[in-house]
């Protein structure tokens, strides 16, 4: 579960970070969310972090990544060039 397909690679912003972070693997997504959780003490981010840590199949990984993108989009943390969330 360490990598995902190239169509899932995306950039995301952390609050108060000058440049977006490119997320190219599942592990990078997990690290990103852990850092986000430390910055924002938001319970929904903590729940998302747990989902990413417990994802153990392609389906649960895909669902967790989609949820991450939805949370980022809801907070305006996806760069403008990112494709829409399904």
Protein backbone atom coordinates (compact mmCIF):
# COMPACT_ATOMS: atom_id res chain seq x y z
CA UNK A 1 0.00 0.00 0.00
CA UNK A 2 2.99 2.33 -0.26
CA UNK A 3 2.28 3.76 -3.70
CA UNK A 4 -0.77 4.72 -5.64
CA UNK A 5 -1.33 5.24 -9.33
CA UNK A 6 0.07 8.29 -11.08
CA UNK A 7 -3.40 9.77 -11.59
CA UNK A 8 -3.72 10.20 -7.82
CA UNK A 9 -0.56 12.32 -7.41
CA UNK A 10 -1.62 15.77 -6.24
CA UNK A 11 -0.46 18.89 -4.46
CA UNK A 12 -1.89 20.15 -1.19
CA UNK A 13 -1.32 23.11 1.07
CA UNK A 14 -0.88 23.14 4.80
CA UNK A 15 -2.20 26.18 6.64
CA UNK A 16 0.47 28.92 6.86
CA UNK A 17 2.85 27.07 4.51
CA UNK A 18 4.17 29.11 1.59
CA UNK A 19 4.40 26.32 -1.01
CA UNK A 20 2.16 23.33 -1.72
CA UNK A 21 3.35 19.82 -0.88
CA UNK A 22 3.35 17.20 -3.68
CA UNK A 23 1.86 13.94 -2.45
CA UNK A 24 3.10 11.03 -4.58
CA UNK A 25 2.58 8.02 -2.35
CA UNK A 26 0.29 6.71 0.34
CA UNK A 27 3.06 7.10 2.90
CA UNK A 28 3.46 10.78 1.95
CA UNK A 29 -0.29 11.24 2.40
CA UNK A 30 -0.06 9.71 5.88
CA UNK A 31 2.85 11.98 6.86
CA UNK A 32 1.05 15.03 5.43
CA UNK A 33 -2.08 14.33 7.48
CA UNK A 34 -0.04 13.70 10.65
CA UNK A 35 1.62 17.10 10.24
CA UNK A 36 -1.73 18.71 9.47
CA UNK A 37 -3.21 17.10 12.58
CA UNK A 38 -0.40 18.56 14.71
CA UNK A 39 -0.93 22.06 13.23
CA UNK A 40 -4.75 22.01 13.49
CA UNK A 41 -6.22 20.32 16.52
CA UNK A 42 -9.36 19.54 14.47
CA UNK A 43 -11.13 16.27 15.43
CA UNK A 44 -12.08 15.55 11.80
CA UNK A 45 -8.41 15.63 10.77
CA UNK A 46 -7.60 13.28 13.63
CA UNK A 47 -10.28 10.88 12.38
CA UNK A 48 -8.88 11.13 8.84
CA UNK A 49 -5.41 10.34 10.20
CA UNK A 50 -6.77 7.18 11.85
CA UNK A 51 -8.44 6.13 8.59
CA UNK A 52 -5.17 6.57 6.70
CA UNK A 53 -3.25 4.61 9.35
CA UNK A 54 -5.68 1.69 9.31
CA UNK A 55 -6.24 1.49 5.54
CA UNK A 56 -5.14 -1.99 4.49
CA UNK A 57 -6.59 -2.58 1.03
CA UNK A 58 -6.69 -0.76 -2.27
CA UNK A 59 -10.30 0.21 -1.67
CA UNK A 60 -9.77 1.64 1.81
CA UNK A 61 -6.65 3.47 0.65
CA UNK A 62 -8.55 4.98 -2.28
CA UNK A 63 -11.43 6.01 -0.02
CA UNK A 64 -9.06 7.58 2.51
CA UNK A 65 -7.24 9.54 -0.21
CA UNK A 66 -10.57 10.77 -1.62
CA UNK A 67 -11.62 11.85 1.86
CA UNK A 68 -8.30 13.66 2.30
CA UNK A 69 -8.86 15.54 -0.96
CA UNK A 70 -12.42 16.42 0.11
CA UNK A 71 -11.21 17.78 3.46
CA UNK A 72 -8.52 19.82 1.70
CA UNK A 73 -11.01 21.17 -0.83
CA UNK A 74 -13.51 22.08 1.89
CA UNK A 75 -10.83 24.15 3.61
CA UNK A 76 -9.51 25.72 0.39
CA UNK A 77 -6.16 23.92 0.69
CA UNK A 78 -6.08 22.32 -2.76
CA UNK A 79 -4.25 24.42 -5.37
CA UNK A 80 -6.42 25.84 -8.15
CA UNK A 81 -5.13 23.42 -10.80
CA UNK A 82 -6.27 20.25 -9.02
CA UNK A 83 -8.93 18.12 -10.74
CA UNK A 84 -12.41 18.10 -9.20
CA UNK A 85 -13.30 15.61 -6.47
CA UNK A 86 -15.56 12.73 -7.54
